[in-house]
Every structure is written in structure tokens, then in C-alpha cells.
N, C-alpha and C. Protein backbone atom coordinates (compact mmCIF):
# COMPACT_ATOMS: atom_id res chain seq x y z
N MET A 1 0.85 -1.18 0.00
CA MET A 1 0.00 0.00 0.00
C MET A 1 0.90 1.24 0.00
N ALA A 2 0.61 2.16 -0.88
CA ALA A 2 1.39 3.40 -0.95
C ALA A 2 1.04 4.30 0.22
N ARG A 3 2.07 4.85 0.84
CA ARG A 3 1.86 5.79 1.95
C ARG A 3 1.51 7.15 1.37
N PRO A 4 0.63 7.88 2.03
CA PRO A 4 0.28 9.22 1.52
C PRO A 4 1.47 10.18 1.67
N ASN A 5 1.48 11.19 0.86
CA ASN A 5 2.46 12.24 0.97
C ASN A 5 2.23 12.95 2.31
N PRO A 6 3.28 13.09 3.15
CA PRO A 6 3.08 13.70 4.48
C PRO A 6 2.46 15.10 4.42
N ALA A 7 2.86 15.91 3.45
CA ALA A 7 2.28 17.26 3.37
C ALA A 7 0.81 17.19 2.98
N GLU A 8 0.47 16.32 2.04
CA GLU A 8 -0.94 16.17 1.65
C GLU A 8 -1.78 15.61 2.79
N PHE A 9 -1.23 14.63 3.51
CA PHE A 9 -1.98 14.07 4.64
C PHE A 9 -2.15 15.13 5.73
N GLY A 10 -1.11 15.92 5.97
CA GLY A 10 -1.21 16.99 6.98
C GLY A 10 -2.30 17.99 6.65
N GLU A 11 -2.41 18.34 5.36
CA GLU A 11 -3.47 19.26 4.94
C GLU A 11 -4.85 18.62 5.12
N LYS A 12 -4.95 17.36 4.75
CA LYS A 12 -6.22 16.64 4.92
C LYS A 12 -6.60 16.58 6.40
N TYR A 13 -5.63 16.27 7.24
CA TYR A 13 -5.88 16.21 8.68
C TYR A 13 -6.36 17.56 9.21
N ARG A 14 -5.72 18.66 8.76
CA ARG A 14 -6.15 20.00 9.19
C ARG A 14 -7.59 20.29 8.75
N ARG A 15 -7.96 19.89 7.52
CA ARG A 15 -9.34 20.09 7.05
C ARG A 15 -10.33 19.33 7.92
N VAL A 16 -9.96 18.11 8.29
CA VAL A 16 -10.85 17.30 9.14
C VAL A 16 -10.98 17.95 10.51
N GLN A 17 -9.88 18.44 11.08
CA GLN A 17 -9.93 19.09 12.39
C GLN A 17 -10.80 20.35 12.35
N LYS A 18 -10.68 21.15 11.28
CA LYS A 18 -11.52 22.34 11.15
C LYS A 18 -12.99 21.96 11.07
N ALA A 19 -13.29 20.91 10.31
CA ALA A 19 -14.68 20.46 10.20
C ALA A 19 -15.19 19.97 11.56
N ALA A 20 -14.36 19.27 12.31
CA ALA A 20 -14.76 18.78 13.64
C ALA A 20 -15.01 19.95 14.57
N GLU A 21 -14.16 20.96 14.53
CA GLU A 21 -14.35 22.15 15.37
C GLU A 21 -15.65 22.86 15.01
N ALA A 22 -15.90 23.02 13.71
CA ALA A 22 -17.13 23.68 13.27
C ALA A 22 -18.36 22.87 13.69
N ALA A 23 -18.26 21.55 13.65
CA ALA A 23 -19.40 20.70 14.00
C ALA A 23 -19.79 20.84 15.48
N LEU A 24 -18.86 21.26 16.30
CA LEU A 24 -19.15 21.41 17.72
C LEU A 24 -20.15 22.53 17.99
N SER A 25 -20.28 23.46 17.06
CA SER A 25 -21.24 24.55 17.25
C SER A 25 -22.51 24.37 16.43
N ALA A 26 -22.61 23.25 15.71
CA ALA A 26 -23.80 22.97 14.89
C ALA A 26 -24.89 22.33 15.76
N ASP A 27 -26.01 22.00 15.13
CA ASP A 27 -27.08 21.32 15.86
C ASP A 27 -26.53 20.08 16.54
N ARG A 28 -27.02 19.81 17.72
CA ARG A 28 -26.54 18.67 18.50
C ARG A 28 -27.40 17.45 18.26
N HIS A 29 -26.76 16.32 18.33
CA HIS A 29 -27.43 15.04 18.14
C HIS A 29 -26.90 14.06 19.16
N HIS A 30 -27.75 13.12 19.55
CA HIS A 30 -27.23 12.05 20.40
C HIS A 30 -26.23 11.22 19.62
N PHE A 31 -26.53 10.96 18.36
CA PHE A 31 -25.64 10.14 17.52
C PHE A 31 -26.02 10.39 16.06
N ASP A 32 -25.04 10.85 15.28
CA ASP A 32 -25.30 11.11 13.87
C ASP A 32 -24.00 11.10 13.10
N PHE A 33 -24.09 10.87 11.79
CA PHE A 33 -22.95 10.94 10.89
C PHE A 33 -23.10 12.14 9.98
N THR A 34 -21.99 12.76 9.61
CA THR A 34 -22.01 13.79 8.58
C THR A 34 -21.69 13.13 7.25
N GLY A 35 -21.80 13.89 6.18
CA GLY A 35 -21.26 13.45 4.92
C GLY A 35 -19.74 13.52 5.01
N GLU A 36 -19.06 13.19 3.93
CA GLU A 36 -17.60 13.24 3.94
C GLU A 36 -17.13 14.69 4.11
N VAL A 37 -16.21 14.91 5.03
CA VAL A 37 -15.61 16.22 5.23
C VAL A 37 -14.26 16.30 4.50
N ALA A 38 -13.76 15.15 4.11
CA ALA A 38 -12.57 14.98 3.28
C ALA A 38 -12.73 13.58 2.69
N PRO A 39 -12.04 13.27 1.60
CA PRO A 39 -12.20 11.94 1.01
C PRO A 39 -11.94 10.83 2.04
N GLY A 40 -12.95 9.98 2.23
CA GLY A 40 -12.83 8.86 3.16
C GLY A 40 -12.97 9.21 4.63
N VAL A 41 -13.41 10.42 4.95
CA VAL A 41 -13.54 10.83 6.36
C VAL A 41 -14.89 11.48 6.59
N ARG A 42 -15.63 10.92 7.55
CA ARG A 42 -16.90 11.49 8.00
C ARG A 42 -16.74 11.82 9.47
N LEU A 43 -17.64 12.62 9.99
CA LEU A 43 -17.65 12.90 11.43
C LEU A 43 -18.77 12.13 12.08
N VAL A 44 -18.53 11.67 13.29
CA VAL A 44 -19.55 11.04 14.13
C VAL A 44 -19.85 12.07 15.21
N LEU A 45 -21.08 12.57 15.21
CA LEU A 45 -21.49 13.62 16.14
C LEU A 45 -22.26 13.02 17.31
N SER A 46 -22.01 13.56 18.47
CA SER A 46 -22.72 13.12 19.66
C SER A 46 -22.72 14.26 20.66
N GLU A 47 -23.33 14.02 21.78
CA GLU A 47 -23.28 14.99 22.88
C GLU A 47 -23.49 14.25 24.18
N ALA A 48 -22.91 14.81 25.21
CA ALA A 48 -23.10 14.30 26.56
C ALA A 48 -23.37 15.50 27.43
N GLY A 49 -24.49 15.47 28.11
CA GLY A 49 -24.88 16.66 28.86
C GLY A 49 -25.07 17.80 27.89
N ASP A 50 -24.42 18.92 28.16
CA ASP A 50 -24.49 20.07 27.27
C ASP A 50 -23.26 20.16 26.38
N ARG A 51 -22.46 19.12 26.32
CA ARG A 51 -21.19 19.17 25.60
C ARG A 51 -21.26 18.40 24.29
N PRO A 52 -21.12 19.09 23.14
CA PRO A 52 -21.09 18.37 21.87
C PRO A 52 -19.74 17.69 21.67
N LEU A 53 -19.75 16.57 20.98
CA LEU A 53 -18.53 15.82 20.66
C LEU A 53 -18.52 15.53 19.17
N ALA A 54 -17.36 15.55 18.58
CA ALA A 54 -17.21 15.21 17.16
C ALA A 54 -15.98 14.32 17.01
N PHE A 55 -16.22 13.08 16.62
CA PHE A 55 -15.14 12.15 16.35
C PHE A 55 -14.96 12.05 14.84
N SER A 56 -13.75 11.86 14.38
CA SER A 56 -13.55 11.65 12.94
C SER A 56 -13.50 10.15 12.67
N LEU A 57 -14.15 9.75 11.59
CA LEU A 57 -14.22 8.34 11.21
C LEU A 57 -13.51 8.18 9.87
N TRP A 58 -12.33 7.59 9.89
CA TRP A 58 -11.46 7.44 8.73
C TRP A 58 -11.67 6.06 8.14
N SER A 59 -11.83 5.97 6.80
CA SER A 59 -12.08 4.65 6.20
C SER A 59 -11.10 4.26 5.09
N LEU A 60 -10.25 5.16 4.64
CA LEU A 60 -9.29 4.79 3.59
C LEU A 60 -8.08 4.08 4.22
N PRO A 61 -7.71 2.92 3.70
CA PRO A 61 -6.60 2.15 4.28
C PRO A 61 -5.30 2.95 4.44
N GLN A 62 -4.97 3.79 3.48
CA GLN A 62 -3.72 4.55 3.57
C GLN A 62 -3.78 5.59 4.69
N ASP A 63 -4.96 6.16 4.95
CA ASP A 63 -5.10 7.11 6.06
C ASP A 63 -5.02 6.39 7.40
N ILE A 64 -5.66 5.23 7.48
CA ILE A 64 -5.61 4.44 8.71
C ILE A 64 -4.17 4.05 9.00
N ALA A 65 -3.45 3.60 7.97
CA ALA A 65 -2.04 3.23 8.15
C ALA A 65 -1.22 4.42 8.60
N GLU A 66 -1.49 5.60 8.06
CA GLU A 66 -0.76 6.80 8.45
C GLU A 66 -1.02 7.15 9.90
N LEU A 67 -2.26 7.12 10.34
CA LEU A 67 -2.58 7.45 11.73
C LEU A 67 -2.06 6.39 12.71
N CYS A 68 -2.03 5.14 12.26
CA CYS A 68 -1.52 4.06 13.12
C CYS A 68 -0.01 3.93 13.03
N SER A 69 0.61 4.62 12.08
CA SER A 69 2.05 4.52 11.83
C SER A 69 2.45 3.09 11.49
N ASP A 70 1.57 2.40 10.78
CA ASP A 70 1.85 1.01 10.46
C ASP A 70 1.15 0.65 9.16
N ALA A 71 1.92 0.46 8.11
CA ALA A 71 1.34 0.11 6.82
C ALA A 71 0.81 -1.32 6.80
N SER A 72 1.14 -2.10 7.80
CA SER A 72 0.69 -3.49 7.83
C SER A 72 -0.50 -3.70 8.76
N VAL A 73 -1.27 -2.63 9.02
CA VAL A 73 -2.47 -2.75 9.85
C VAL A 73 -3.36 -3.82 9.22
N PRO A 74 -3.82 -4.77 10.02
CA PRO A 74 -4.69 -5.81 9.44
C PRO A 74 -5.94 -5.19 8.84
N ALA A 75 -6.62 -5.95 8.04
CA ALA A 75 -7.84 -5.46 7.39
C ALA A 75 -8.70 -4.74 8.42
N THR A 76 -8.86 -3.48 8.21
CA THR A 76 -9.60 -2.61 9.13
C THR A 76 -10.61 -1.82 8.33
N ALA A 77 -11.84 -1.81 8.79
CA ALA A 77 -12.89 -1.09 8.08
C ALA A 77 -12.84 0.41 8.34
N ALA A 78 -12.46 0.80 9.56
CA ALA A 78 -12.49 2.22 9.88
C ALA A 78 -11.67 2.49 11.15
N LEU A 79 -11.35 3.76 11.32
CA LEU A 79 -10.65 4.23 12.50
C LEU A 79 -11.44 5.41 13.05
N LEU A 80 -11.80 5.37 14.32
CA LEU A 80 -12.54 6.45 14.98
C LEU A 80 -11.55 7.21 15.85
N ALA A 81 -11.45 8.53 15.64
CA ALA A 81 -10.43 9.31 16.34
C ALA A 81 -11.01 10.54 17.02
N ILE A 82 -10.30 10.97 18.06
CA ILE A 82 -10.59 12.22 18.75
C ILE A 82 -9.25 12.84 19.09
N ASP A 83 -9.15 14.17 19.05
CA ASP A 83 -7.87 14.78 19.39
C ASP A 83 -7.85 15.09 20.89
N ALA A 84 -6.64 15.21 21.40
CA ALA A 84 -6.44 15.40 22.83
C ALA A 84 -7.08 16.70 23.32
N GLN A 85 -7.03 17.74 22.52
CA GLN A 85 -7.63 19.02 22.92
C GLN A 85 -9.12 18.88 23.16
N GLN A 86 -9.82 18.19 22.27
CA GLN A 86 -11.26 18.01 22.45
C GLN A 86 -11.55 17.14 23.69
N ALA A 87 -10.73 16.11 23.91
CA ALA A 87 -10.91 15.25 25.09
C ALA A 87 -10.69 16.06 26.38
N ARG A 88 -9.67 16.93 26.37
CA ARG A 88 -9.43 17.77 27.56
C ARG A 88 -10.58 18.74 27.79
N ALA A 89 -11.09 19.34 26.71
CA ALA A 89 -12.22 20.28 26.84
C ALA A 89 -13.44 19.57 27.39
N ALA A 90 -13.66 18.34 26.97
CA ALA A 90 -14.78 17.57 27.50
C ALA A 90 -14.58 17.30 28.98
N ALA A 91 -13.36 16.97 29.38
CA ALA A 91 -13.07 16.69 30.80
C ALA A 91 -13.29 17.94 31.64
N VAL A 92 -12.88 19.10 31.14
CA VAL A 92 -13.09 20.35 31.87
C VAL A 92 -14.58 20.60 32.06
N ALA A 93 -15.38 20.17 31.07
CA ALA A 93 -16.84 20.35 31.14
C ALA A 93 -17.50 19.26 31.99
N GLY A 94 -16.69 18.38 32.58
CA GLY A 94 -17.24 17.35 33.46
C GLY A 94 -17.60 16.05 32.77
N LEU A 95 -17.18 15.87 31.51
CA LEU A 95 -17.46 14.64 30.79
C LEU A 95 -16.25 13.72 30.81
N ARG A 96 -16.49 12.45 30.75
CA ARG A 96 -15.39 11.51 30.72
C ARG A 96 -15.32 10.85 29.35
N VAL A 97 -14.22 11.10 28.65
CA VAL A 97 -13.90 10.38 27.43
C VAL A 97 -12.80 9.42 27.84
N ASP A 98 -13.09 8.13 27.82
CA ASP A 98 -12.18 7.12 28.35
C ASP A 98 -11.03 6.86 27.37
N LEU A 99 -9.98 7.69 27.47
CA LEU A 99 -8.84 7.56 26.57
C LEU A 99 -8.06 6.27 26.80
N THR A 100 -8.28 5.59 27.91
CA THR A 100 -7.59 4.31 28.13
C THR A 100 -8.07 3.24 27.15
N GLN A 101 -9.23 3.46 26.54
CA GLN A 101 -9.74 2.50 25.56
C GLN A 101 -9.36 2.88 24.14
N PHE A 102 -8.57 3.94 23.99
CA PHE A 102 -8.06 4.38 22.70
C PHE A 102 -6.58 4.05 22.61
N THR A 103 -6.05 4.07 21.42
CA THR A 103 -4.61 3.97 21.18
C THR A 103 -4.13 5.34 20.77
N ARG A 104 -2.98 5.72 21.27
CA ARG A 104 -2.42 7.03 20.90
C ARG A 104 -1.65 6.88 19.60
N SER A 105 -1.91 7.77 18.65
CA SER A 105 -1.24 7.74 17.36
C SER A 105 0.24 8.07 17.53
N GLN A 106 1.09 7.28 16.89
CA GLN A 106 2.52 7.56 16.92
C GLN A 106 2.87 8.71 15.97
N SER A 107 2.16 8.81 14.85
CA SER A 107 2.48 9.85 13.87
C SER A 107 1.87 11.20 14.25
N ARG A 108 0.78 11.18 14.98
CA ARG A 108 0.09 12.39 15.44
C ARG A 108 -0.21 12.20 16.93
N PRO A 109 0.74 12.51 17.81
CA PRO A 109 0.57 12.23 19.24
C PRO A 109 -0.63 12.90 19.91
N ASP A 110 -1.24 13.88 19.24
CA ASP A 110 -2.42 14.53 19.80
C ASP A 110 -3.71 13.82 19.40
N VAL A 111 -3.60 12.67 18.72
CA VAL A 111 -4.76 11.92 18.25
C VAL A 111 -4.86 10.59 18.97
N TYR A 112 -6.06 10.25 19.41
CA TYR A 112 -6.35 8.96 20.02
C TYR A 112 -7.37 8.25 19.13
N TYR A 113 -7.19 6.96 18.91
CA TYR A 113 -8.07 6.25 17.98
C TYR A 113 -8.43 4.86 18.48
N THR A 114 -9.48 4.33 17.89
CA THR A 114 -9.85 2.93 18.05
C THR A 114 -10.19 2.39 16.67
N LEU A 115 -9.86 1.14 16.43
CA LEU A 115 -10.07 0.52 15.12
C LEU A 115 -11.33 -0.33 15.09
N PHE A 116 -11.92 -0.42 13.92
CA PHE A 116 -13.10 -1.26 13.70
C PHE A 116 -12.81 -2.23 12.58
N ASP A 117 -13.05 -3.51 12.82
CA ASP A 117 -12.92 -4.46 11.72
C ASP A 117 -14.22 -4.53 10.93
N HIS A 118 -15.29 -4.05 11.53
CA HIS A 118 -16.59 -3.92 10.88
C HIS A 118 -17.21 -2.64 11.42
N ALA A 119 -17.50 -1.70 10.55
CA ALA A 119 -17.93 -0.37 11.01
C ALA A 119 -19.38 -0.08 10.67
N SER A 120 -20.28 -0.86 11.23
CA SER A 120 -21.70 -0.58 11.03
C SER A 120 -22.11 0.57 11.94
N ARG A 121 -23.20 1.20 11.59
CA ARG A 121 -23.75 2.30 12.40
C ARG A 121 -24.00 1.83 13.84
N ARG A 122 -24.60 0.66 13.99
CA ARG A 122 -24.89 0.13 15.32
C ARG A 122 -23.62 -0.12 16.12
N GLN A 123 -22.60 -0.71 15.48
CA GLN A 123 -21.37 -1.01 16.20
C GLN A 123 -20.67 0.28 16.64
N ILE A 124 -20.62 1.26 15.78
CA ILE A 124 -19.99 2.53 16.14
C ILE A 124 -20.75 3.19 17.29
N HIS A 125 -22.07 3.13 17.24
CA HIS A 125 -22.88 3.71 18.32
C HIS A 125 -22.62 3.00 19.65
N THR A 126 -22.56 1.69 19.62
CA THR A 126 -22.30 0.91 20.84
C THR A 126 -20.93 1.25 21.41
N VAL A 127 -19.92 1.29 20.57
CA VAL A 127 -18.56 1.60 21.01
C VAL A 127 -18.49 3.03 21.55
N LEU A 128 -19.18 3.95 20.93
CA LEU A 128 -19.19 5.33 21.39
C LEU A 128 -19.70 5.42 22.83
N HIS A 129 -20.72 4.64 23.14
CA HIS A 129 -21.23 4.64 24.53
C HIS A 129 -20.20 4.07 25.50
N ARG A 130 -19.38 3.12 25.04
CA ARG A 130 -18.35 2.58 25.90
C ARG A 130 -17.21 3.58 26.08
N LEU A 131 -16.85 4.30 25.01
CA LEU A 131 -15.75 5.24 25.05
C LEU A 131 -16.08 6.52 25.81
N VAL A 132 -17.37 6.89 25.78
CA VAL A 132 -17.82 8.10 26.47
C VAL A 132 -18.95 7.68 27.42
N PRO A 133 -18.57 7.17 28.60
CA PRO A 133 -19.58 6.66 29.53
C PRO A 133 -20.63 7.69 29.93
N SER A 134 -20.33 8.97 29.80
CA SER A 134 -21.28 10.00 30.21
C SER A 134 -22.33 10.31 29.16
N LEU A 135 -22.32 9.62 28.02
CA LEU A 135 -23.40 9.80 27.04
C LEU A 135 -24.70 9.35 27.67
N GLY A 136 -25.71 10.11 27.49
CA GLY A 136 -27.01 9.76 28.06
C GLY A 136 -27.65 8.59 27.34
N THR A 137 -28.59 7.96 28.00
CA THR A 137 -29.37 6.92 27.35
C THR A 137 -30.45 7.58 26.51
N HIS A 138 -31.02 6.82 25.62
CA HIS A 138 -32.03 7.36 24.73
C HIS A 138 -33.00 6.24 24.35
N THR A 139 -34.09 6.65 23.77
CA THR A 139 -35.08 5.65 23.38
C THR A 139 -35.02 5.30 21.91
N ALA A 140 -34.38 6.14 21.10
CA ALA A 140 -34.30 5.86 19.66
C ALA A 140 -33.31 4.75 19.40
N ALA A 141 -33.66 3.85 18.49
CA ALA A 141 -32.75 2.77 18.14
C ALA A 141 -31.65 3.30 17.27
N ALA A 142 -30.47 2.69 17.43
CA ALA A 142 -29.32 3.10 16.62
C ALA A 142 -29.44 2.55 15.22
């Protein structure tokens, strides 16, 4: 698998971060997906209490390999990431984002991620509740 150009990946990463920041001030949802904010990247939107959260969901193998710093990542359907700044802001607001269940990116130390071998809407929703224990319960099915 060809590795992405570091400058191009850096620009893509910055676009995704800007989209995630902008999403924090948009309408809030218990759980929702955006369209692609960059090729192969969507946002997973959620909220806990009064705090909006935006995780990036990466699906292109070369991007996943870049974030994992490993071109030999086994077949992976997607990578769900949050940056350290957003996790700290959530903690200041009284929310717990369980970073112990994430892996810290070697190539981008400010990024924490978890991998999915199957990335269905239901599975991502279930994992999100595990990663952010302070997410409220709801009656709508995922």
C-alpha cells in the first residue's frame, strides 16, 4: 500500500480538524454521521450533557495506516479518532472520554483512535457509549 504524501496528509488532517471544530457549534445530536468532510472521512457527532462531541471516522486504508504509523495494519474497516484538545475540553466540562480504551497515534501524538474491523452504524454507536460513559441513554434505536 502506498503511503500518503506527508504534506498532503497533513493538509487533509487539518481540514478534518476544522470540520470537527465547526461541528461542535452545529445542531446537536445524540448520535449522527455527517457526509464526507474529506475523502474517506466522516464525522460522528454526539453529545453528553451540554457538551457536543465530534469524532472523525477514517475509512481509507492509507489514512488508517498513516494514523496508526503502520502500513501493515490488518484489514480494518475504519478508525474512529478524537484529538487530545477536544478530550481535555470535554473533561473540563465534566465529561469523561475514556482515553484508556483508545490507542495514541505515533504519527500524530495529539490523536487517540480505536479501530473497527466492521464499522456498522450500530457497532460505532455501541462503542461510542463505551468510550464516552457520560453519554445519556435514549429511546431511539441506533
